[in-house]
Amino acid sequence: MTSSETLYLASHILSMARIGDASIEAELLVC
């Protein structure tokens, strides 16, 4: 991978992580 692809993936994963934090915490509480 090129450095630009790595930066793109990293920023995408971070943005998805922010969105998914609440749902992940909810799933942990359900379990």
C-alpha atoms as a PDB file:
ATOM      1  CA  MET A   1       0.000   0.000   0.000  1.00  0.00           C
ATOM      2  CA  THR A   2       1.067   3.552  -0.603  1.00  0.00           C
ATOM      3  CA  SER A   3       1.250   6.047   2.235  1.00  0.00           C
ATOM      4  CA  SER A   4      -1.809   7.889   0.915  1.00  0.00           C
ATOM      5  CA  GLU A   5      -3.833   4.670   0.913  1.00  0.00           C
ATOM      6  CA  THR A   6      -2.720   3.957   4.470  1.00  0.00           C
ATOM      7  CA  LEU A   7      -3.727   7.448   5.600  1.00  0.00           C
ATOM      8  CA  TYR A   8      -7.104   7.078   3.879  1.00  0.00           C
ATOM      9  CA  LEU A   9      -7.781   3.736   5.534  1.00  0.00           C
ATOM     10  CA  ALA A  10      -6.659   5.038   8.918  1.00  0.00           C
ATOM     11  CA  SER A  11      -8.942   8.077   8.767  1.00  0.00           C
ATOM     12  CA  HIS A  12     -11.840   5.919   7.546  1.00  0.00           C
ATOM     13  CA  ILE A  13     -11.361   3.412  10.379  1.00  0.00           C
ATOM     14  CA  LEU A  14     -11.147   6.222  12.943  1.00  0.00           C
ATOM     15  CA  SER A  15     -14.347   7.849  11.683  1.00  0.00           C
ATOM     16  CA  MET A  16     -16.152   4.506  11.689  1.00  0.00           C
ATOM     17  CA  ALA A  17     -14.863   3.847  15.217  1.00  0.00           C
ATOM     18  CA  ARG A  18     -16.374   7.112  16.463  1.00  0.00           C
ATOM     19  CA  ILE A  19     -19.735   6.159  14.951  1.00  0.00           C
ATOM     20  CA  GLY A  20     -19.540   2.583  16.250  1.00  0.00           C
ATOM     21  CA  ASP A  21     -18.505   3.362  19.830  1.00  0.00           C
ATOM     22  CA  ALA A  22     -22.068   3.733  21.092  1.00  0.00           C
ATOM     23  CA  SER A  23     -23.319   0.562  19.399  1.00  0.00           C
ATOM     24  CA  ILE A  24     -20.327  -1.440  20.648  1.00  0.00           C
ATOM     25  CA  GLU A  25     -20.922  -0.273  24.214  1.00  0.00           C
ATOM     26  CA  ALA A  26     -24.608  -1.159  23.882  1.00  0.00           C
ATOM     27  CA  GLU A  27     -23.739  -4.657  22.659  1.00  0.00           C
ATOM     28  CA  LEU A  28     -21.375  -5.136  25.606  1.00  0.00           C
ATOM     29  CA  LEU A  29     -24.100  -4.062  28.020  1.00  0.00           C
ATOM     30  CA  VAL A  30     -26.566  -6.506  26.436  1.00  0.00           C
ATOM     31  CA  CYS A  31     -24.074  -9.335  26.804  1.00  0.00           C
END
